[in-house]
Amino acid sequence: MLVGVNAHKDFAKFMTRQNLIEQLKAYKLRFKDEDESTSRFIDFVSRYDKCFERSLKVGHVTGSAWVVNNRKTHVLLTHHRKLNRWLQLGGHADGEPDVLNVALREVREESGLENVEPLTDQIFDIDIHSIPARGDDPEHFHYDIRYAMHAKESEDYVVSKESHDLSWIDIEKLSDITDEKSMLRMARKWKAVQDGAGNSE
């Protein structure tokens, strides 16, 4: 499923809302068991032209990343300050339709890692989850697009103000720190990728 990406800039030039819909349709074909959630996601992006804006109160698109280390055995997670849970790195699109670039930006801002590279421009995972009301913001949904990435060189991170902590977590032991369904689903997908690749570079 995952193929190498040498550069993102050419792909990024043409990213629009329609491109994301096409990516989601391709994802739907690859993961038929997620048909219901993918159809809901496509409907949301198709219906709202401001789906990338956090000002859209019913919900908005976010971008995040499953970041693995050089050996592809550990995933970098944040102990999120607001949600108080171990999660993948990511955040709001804030109007940008290039969600892969959003995910890359969030990884760099939240971890200090500059040498992160997408393993593919295909969507690795999607998730739709409710965000509780906070201050002036009502309860709403995050329509999260996840991409698989890896740290090419240094794995030394810097903890940002958005996190209690960061940590490289052994993917085989992910269930020791979280029972969150989408996190465990991504771990299963990653193991399937690695098994398909024969655990070789």
C-alpha atoms as a PDB file:
ATOM      1  CA  MET A   1       0.000   0.000   0.000  1.00  0.00           C
ATOM      2  CA  LEU A   2       2.752   2.465   0.874  1.00  0.00           C
ATOM      3  CA  VAL A   3       5.110   3.671  -1.828  1.00  0.00           C
ATOM      4  CA  GLY A   4       7.981   6.094  -1.561  1.00  0.00           C
ATOM      5  CA  VAL A   5       7.537   9.812  -2.218  1.00  0.00           C
ATOM      6  CA  ASN A   6      10.602  11.742  -3.377  1.00  0.00           C
ATOM      7  CA  ALA A   7       9.014  15.181  -3.189  1.00  0.00           C
ATOM      8  CA  HIS A   8       5.742  16.649  -2.095  1.00  0.00           C
ATOM      9  CA  LYS A   9       5.974  20.065  -3.747  1.00  0.00           C
ATOM     10  CA  ASP A  10       4.727  19.018  -7.207  1.00  0.00           C
ATOM     11  CA  PHE A  11       1.781  17.187  -5.702  1.00  0.00           C
ATOM     12  CA  ALA A  12       0.993  20.134  -3.428  1.00  0.00           C
ATOM     13  CA  LYS A  13       0.640  22.631  -6.273  1.00  0.00           C
ATOM     14  CA  PHE A  14      -2.641  21.092  -7.349  1.00  0.00           C
ATOM     15  CA  MET A  15      -4.319  20.306  -4.036  1.00  0.00           C
ATOM     16  CA  THR A  16      -7.933  21.448  -3.842  1.00  0.00           C
ATOM     17  CA  ARG A  17     -11.099  20.329  -2.095  1.00  0.00           C
ATOM     18  CA  GLN A  18     -11.888  18.147  -5.114  1.00  0.00           C
ATOM     19  CA  ASN A  19      -8.457  16.500  -4.885  1.00  0.00           C
ATOM     20  CA  LEU A  20      -9.222  15.509  -1.294  1.00  0.00           C
ATOM     21  CA  ILE A  21     -12.539  14.008  -2.386  1.00  0.00           C
ATOM     22  CA  GLU A  22     -10.675  11.960  -5.009  1.00  0.00           C
ATOM     23  CA  GLN A  23      -8.165  10.804  -2.389  1.00  0.00           C
ATOM     24  CA  LEU A  24     -11.035   9.781  -0.126  1.00  0.00           C
ATOM     25  CA  LYS A  25     -12.683   7.838  -2.953  1.00  0.00           C
ATOM     26  CA  ALA A  26      -9.415   5.984  -3.545  1.00  0.00           C
ATOM     27  CA  TYR A  27      -9.164   5.305   0.190  1.00  0.00           C
ATOM     28  CA  LYS A  28     -12.712   3.937   0.159  1.00  0.00           C
ATOM     29  CA  LEU A  29     -11.725   1.400  -2.504  1.00  0.00           C
ATOM     30  CA  ARG A  30      -8.692   0.280  -0.488  1.00  0.00           C
ATOM     31  CA  PHE A  31     -10.504  -0.001   2.840  1.00  0.00           C
ATOM     32  CA  LYS A  32     -13.964  -1.330   2.071  1.00  0.00           C
ATOM     33  CA  ASP A  33     -14.604  -2.153   5.732  1.00  0.00           C
ATOM     34  CA  GLU A  34     -14.559   1.602   6.459  1.00  0.00           C
ATOM     35  CA  ASP A  35     -17.205   2.389   3.849  1.00  0.00           C
ATOM     36  CA  GLU A  36     -19.660   4.071   6.236  1.00  0.00           C
ATOM     37  CA  SER A  37     -17.171   6.514   7.755  1.00  0.00           C
ATOM     38  CA  THR A  38     -15.521   7.238   4.400  1.00  0.00           C
ATOM     39  CA  SER A  39     -18.890   7.995   2.794  1.00  0.00           C
ATOM     40  CA  ARG A  40     -19.729  10.333   5.668  1.00  0.00           C
ATOM     41  CA  PHE A  41     -16.352  12.053   5.223  1.00  0.00           C
ATOM     42  CA  ILE A  42     -16.846  12.500   1.467  1.00  0.00           C
ATOM     43  CA  ASP A  43     -20.334  13.897   2.046  1.00  0.00           C
ATOM     44  CA  PHE A  44     -18.991  16.438   4.539  1.00  0.00           C
ATOM     45  CA  VAL A  45     -16.191  17.693   2.273  1.00  0.00           C
ATOM     46  CA  SER A  46     -18.564  17.797  -0.711  1.00  0.00           C
ATOM     47  CA  ARG A  47     -21.242  19.718   1.201  1.00  0.00           C
ATOM     48  CA  TYR A  48     -19.157  22.432   2.869  1.00  0.00           C
ATOM     49  CA  ASP A  49     -16.857  24.613   0.795  1.00  0.00           C
ATOM     50  CA  LYS A  50     -15.394  25.934   4.069  1.00  0.00           C
ATOM     51  CA  CYS A  51     -14.649  22.448   5.401  1.00  0.00           C
ATOM     52  CA  PHE A  52     -10.983  23.387   6.011  1.00  0.00           C
ATOM     53  CA  GLU A  53     -11.873  26.367   8.239  1.00  0.00           C
ATOM     54  CA  ARG A  54     -12.120  25.958  11.997  1.00  0.00           C
ATOM     55  CA  SER A  55     -14.788  28.688  11.882  1.00  0.00           C
ATOM     56  CA  LEU A  56     -17.165  26.051  10.458  1.00  0.00           C
ATOM     57  CA  LYS A  57     -18.863  25.221  13.735  1.00  0.00           C
ATOM     58  CA  VAL A  58     -20.332  21.835  12.799  1.00  0.00           C
ATOM     59  CA  GLY A  59     -16.832  20.515  12.205  1.00  0.00           C
ATOM     60  CA  HIS A  60     -13.724  20.858  10.049  1.00  0.00           C
ATOM     61  CA  VAL A  61     -10.945  18.912   8.370  1.00  0.00           C
ATOM     62  CA  THR A  62      -7.770  18.308  10.345  1.00  0.00           C
ATOM     63  CA  GLY A  63      -4.472  16.716   9.322  1.00  0.00           C
ATOM     64  CA  SER A  64      -2.282  14.382  11.329  1.00  0.00           C
ATOM     65  CA  ALA A  65       0.548  11.909  10.945  1.00  0.00           C
ATOM     66  CA  TRP A  66       1.562   8.386  11.883  1.00  0.00           C
ATOM     67  CA  VAL A  67       5.286   9.145  12.261  1.00  0.00           C
ATOM     68  CA  VAL A  68       7.589   6.137  12.521  1.00  0.00           C
ATOM     69  CA  ASN A  69      11.281   6.015  13.353  1.00  0.00           C
ATOM     70  CA  ASN A  70      14.121   4.923  11.061  1.00  0.00           C
ATOM     71  CA  ARG A  71      13.652   1.248  11.912  1.00  0.00           C
ATOM     72  CA  LYS A  72       9.867   1.656  11.498  1.00  0.00           C
ATOM     73  CA  THR A  73       9.279  -0.057  14.843  1.00  0.00           C
ATOM     74  CA  HIS A  74       8.153   2.934  16.937  1.00  0.00           C
ATOM     75  CA  VAL A  75       5.593   5.692  16.434  1.00  0.00           C
ATOM     76  CA  LEU A  76       5.976   9.238  17.762  1.00  0.00           C
ATOM     77  CA  LEU A  77       3.013  10.237  19.936  1.00  0.00           C
ATOM     78  CA  THR A  78       2.085  13.292  21.941  1.00  0.00           C
ATOM     79  CA  HIS A  79       0.530  13.234  25.383  1.00  0.00           C
ATOM     80  CA  HIS A  80      -1.941  15.934  24.385  1.00  0.00           C
ATOM     81  CA  ARG A  81      -2.255  18.776  26.885  1.00  0.00           C
ATOM     82  CA  LYS A  82      -5.947  19.568  26.292  1.00  0.00           C
ATOM     83  CA  LEU A  83      -7.234  16.029  25.750  1.00  0.00           C
ATOM     84  CA  ASN A  84      -4.846  14.331  28.217  1.00  0.00           C
ATOM     85  CA  ARG A  85      -4.390  11.307  25.943  1.00  0.00           C
ATOM     86  CA  TRP A  86      -1.602   9.781  23.866  1.00  0.00           C
ATOM     87  CA  LEU A  87      -2.332  10.673  20.235  1.00  0.00           C
ATOM     88  CA  GLN A  88      -0.658  11.105  16.864  1.00  0.00           C
ATOM     89  CA  LEU A  89       0.696  14.556  16.001  1.00  0.00           C
ATOM     90  CA  GLY A  90      -1.646  16.825  14.057  1.00  0.00           C
ATOM     91  CA  GLY A  91      -3.894  19.865  14.010  1.00  0.00           C
ATOM     92  CA  HIS A  92      -6.247  22.212  12.182  1.00  0.00           C
ATOM     93  CA  ALA A  93      -6.015  22.877   8.459  1.00  0.00           C
ATOM     94  CA  ASP A  94      -6.925  26.557   8.981  1.00  0.00           C
ATOM     95  CA  GLY A  95      -8.096  26.971   5.411  1.00  0.00           C
ATOM     96  CA  GLU A  96      -5.371  24.973   3.669  1.00  0.00           C
ATOM     97  CA  PRO A  97      -6.725  22.263   1.327  1.00  0.00           C
ATOM     98  CA  ASP A  98      -3.351  20.496   1.126  1.00  0.00           C
ATOM     99  CA  VAL A  99      -3.925  18.291   4.159  1.00  0.00           C
ATOM    100  CA  LEU A 100      -0.654  16.413   3.695  1.00  0.00           C
ATOM    101  CA  ASN A 101       1.175  19.714   4.048  1.00  0.00           C
ATOM    102  CA  VAL A 102      -0.948  20.489   7.114  1.00  0.00           C
ATOM    103  CA  ALA A 103       0.145  17.216   8.696  1.00  0.00           C
ATOM    104  CA  LEU A 104       3.818  17.888   7.877  1.00  0.00           C
ATOM    105  CA  ARG A 105       3.587  21.383   9.346  1.00  0.00           C
ATOM    106  CA  GLU A 106       1.979  20.125  12.539  1.00  0.00           C
ATOM    107  CA  VAL A 107       4.598  17.408  13.007  1.00  0.00           C
ATOM    108  CA  ARG A 108       7.409  19.949  12.682  1.00  0.00           C
ATOM    109  CA  GLU A 109       5.737  22.448  14.995  1.00  0.00           C
ATOM    110  CA  GLU A 110       4.818  19.909  17.664  1.00  0.00           C
ATOM    111  CA  SER A 111       8.016  17.832  17.640  1.00  0.00           C
ATOM    112  CA  GLY A 112      10.814  20.016  16.283  1.00  0.00           C
ATOM    113  CA  LEU A 113      11.655  17.268  13.783  1.00  0.00           C
ATOM    114  CA  GLU A 114      12.646  18.834  10.457  1.00  0.00           C
ATOM    115  CA  ASN A 115      13.644  15.646   8.652  1.00  0.00           C
ATOM    116  CA  VAL A 116      10.158  14.076   8.445  1.00  0.00           C
ATOM    117  CA  GLU A 117       9.087  12.809   5.045  1.00  0.00           C
ATOM    118  CA  PRO A 118       5.797  11.286   3.824  1.00  0.00           C
ATOM    119  CA  LEU A 119       6.063   7.628   2.888  1.00  0.00           C
ATOM    120  CA  THR A 120       3.303   8.158   0.322  1.00  0.00           C
ATOM    121  CA  ASP A 121       0.792  10.791  -0.723  1.00  0.00           C
ATOM    122  CA  GLN A 122      -2.021   8.277  -0.167  1.00  0.00           C
ATOM    123  CA  ILE A 123      -4.232   8.635   2.892  1.00  0.00           C
ATOM    124  CA  PHE A 124      -3.139   6.169   5.582  1.00  0.00           C
ATOM    125  CA  ASP A 125      -6.202   6.472   7.825  1.00  0.00           C
ATOM    126  CA  ILE A 126      -9.246   8.632   8.486  1.00  0.00           C
ATOM    127  CA  ASP A 127     -11.245   9.274  11.630  1.00  0.00           C
ATOM    128  CA  ILE A 128     -14.303  11.320  12.552  1.00  0.00           C
ATOM    129  CA  HIS A 129     -14.513  12.149  16.236  1.00  0.00           C
ATOM    130  CA  SER A 130     -16.419  14.511  18.479  1.00  0.00           C
ATOM    131  CA  ILE A 131     -14.633  17.385  20.216  1.00  0.00           C
ATOM    132  CA  PRO A 132     -16.268  18.552  23.469  1.00  0.00           C
ATOM    133  CA  ALA A 133     -17.496  22.140  23.847  1.00  0.00           C
ATOM    134  CA  ARG A 134     -14.786  24.439  25.181  1.00  0.00           C
ATOM    135  CA  GLY A 135     -15.156  28.153  25.907  1.00  0.00           C
ATOM    136  CA  ASP A 136     -17.005  29.772  22.994  1.00  0.00           C
ATOM    137  CA  ASP A 137     -16.566  26.696  20.801  1.00  0.00           C
ATOM    138  CA  PRO A 138     -19.567  24.337  20.679  1.00  0.00           C
ATOM    139  CA  GLU A 139     -19.217  20.582  20.475  1.00  0.00           C
ATOM    140  CA  HIS A 140     -18.164  19.737  16.921  1.00  0.00           C
ATOM    141  CA  PHE A 141     -16.481  17.076  14.813  1.00  0.00           C
ATOM    142  CA  HIS A 142     -12.936  16.736  13.577  1.00  0.00           C
ATOM    143  CA  TYR A 143     -12.704  15.044  10.205  1.00  0.00           C
ATOM    144  CA  ASP A 144      -9.133  13.847  10.514  1.00  0.00           C
ATOM    145  CA  ILE A 145      -6.924  12.750   7.600  1.00  0.00           C
ATOM    146  CA  ARG A 146      -3.837  10.763   8.608  1.00  0.00           C
ATOM    147  CA  TYR A 147      -0.683  10.231   6.514  1.00  0.00           C
ATOM    148  CA  ALA A 148       2.189   7.817   7.160  1.00  0.00           C
ATOM    149  CA  MET A 149       5.593   9.486   7.568  1.00  0.00           C
ATOM    150  CA  HIS A 150       9.029   8.664   8.853  1.00  0.00           C
ATOM    151  CA  ALA A 151      11.882  10.473  10.548  1.00  0.00           C
ATOM    152  CA  LYS A 152      14.751  10.055   8.094  1.00  0.00           C
ATOM    153  CA  GLU A 153      17.693  10.979  10.300  1.00  0.00           C
ATOM    154  CA  SER A 154      17.612  12.387  13.824  1.00  0.00           C
ATOM    155  CA  GLU A 155      14.837  11.110  16.077  1.00  0.00           C
ATOM    156  CA  ASP A 156      15.457  13.765  18.736  1.00  0.00           C
ATOM    157  CA  TYR A 157      12.291  15.734  19.407  1.00  0.00           C
ATOM    158  CA  VAL A 158      11.374  18.878  21.334  1.00  0.00           C
ATOM    159  CA  VAL A 159       8.206  18.956  23.453  1.00  0.00           C
ATOM    160  CA  SER A 160       5.982  21.894  22.479  1.00  0.00           C
ATOM    161  CA  LYS A 161       3.536  23.806  24.677  1.00  0.00           C
ATOM    162  CA  GLU A 162       0.681  21.754  23.195  1.00  0.00           C
ATOM    163  CA  SER A 163       1.962  18.550  24.809  1.00  0.00           C
ATOM    164  CA  HIS A 164       2.600  17.218  28.264  1.00  0.00           C
ATOM    165  CA  ASP A 165       5.197  14.969  26.674  1.00  0.00           C
ATOM    166  CA  LEU A 166       6.291  13.224  23.469  1.00  0.00           C
ATOM    167  CA  SER A 167       7.551   9.687  23.187  1.00  0.00           C
ATOM    168  CA  TRP A 168       8.597   7.071  20.647  1.00  0.00           C
ATOM    169  CA  ILE A 169       6.213   4.215  21.441  1.00  0.00           C
ATOM    170  CA  ASP A 170       6.899   0.612  20.453  1.00  0.00           C
ATOM    171  CA  ILE A 171       4.091  -0.142  17.982  1.00  0.00           C
ATOM    172  CA  GLU A 172       3.876  -3.709  19.260  1.00  0.00           C
ATOM    173  CA  LYS A 173       3.107  -2.324  22.736  1.00  0.00           C
ATOM    174  CA  LEU A 174       0.776   0.514  21.738  1.00  0.00           C
ATOM    175  CA  SER A 175      -2.185  -1.126  23.482  1.00  0.00           C
ATOM    176  CA  ASP A 176      -0.312  -0.747  26.797  1.00  0.00           C
ATOM    177  CA  ILE A 177      -0.853   3.011  26.748  1.00  0.00           C
ATOM    178  CA  THR A 178      -4.108   3.453  24.830  1.00  0.00           C
ATOM    179  CA  ASP A 179      -7.353   1.668  24.042  1.00  0.00           C
ATOM    180  CA  GLU A 180      -8.409   4.342  21.543  1.00  0.00           C
ATOM    181  CA  LYS A 181      -9.866   2.492  18.554  1.00  0.00           C
ATOM    182  CA  SER A 182      -8.386   4.597  15.780  1.00  0.00           C
ATOM    183  CA  MET A 183      -4.892   4.415  17.281  1.00  0.00           C
ATOM    184  CA  LEU A 184      -5.054   0.625  17.444  1.00  0.00           C
ATOM    185  CA  ARG A 185      -6.493   0.528  13.923  1.00  0.00           C
ATOM    186  CA  MET A 186      -3.491   2.475  12.626  1.00  0.00           C
ATOM    187  CA  ALA A 187      -1.167   0.062  14.415  1.00  0.00           C
ATOM    188  CA  ARG A 188      -2.879  -2.867  12.686  1.00  0.00           C
ATOM    189  CA  LYS A 189      -2.601  -1.130   9.321  1.00  0.00           C
ATOM    190  CA  TRP A 190       1.074  -0.417   9.886  1.00  0.00           C
ATOM    191  CA  LYS A 191       1.790  -4.030  10.848  1.00  0.00           C
ATOM    192  CA  ALA A 192       0.009  -5.169   7.675  1.00  0.00           C
ATOM    193  CA  VAL A 193       2.190  -2.817   5.628  1.00  0.00           C
ATOM    194  CA  GLN A 194       5.331  -4.130   7.270  1.00  0.00           C
ATOM    195  CA  ASP A 195       4.271  -7.754   6.863  1.00  0.00           C
ATOM    196  CA  GLY A 196       3.556  -7.098   3.205  1.00  0.00           C
ATOM    197  CA  ALA A 197       6.993  -5.564   2.782  1.00  0.00           C
ATOM    198  CA  GLY A 198       8.645  -8.495   4.490  1.00  0.00           C
ATOM    199  CA  ASN A 199       9.936  -6.080   7.140  1.00  0.00           C
ATOM    200  CA  SER A 200      12.631  -4.998   4.716  1.00  0.00           C
ATOM    201  CA  GLU A 201      13.675  -1.568   3.454  1.00  0.00           C
END
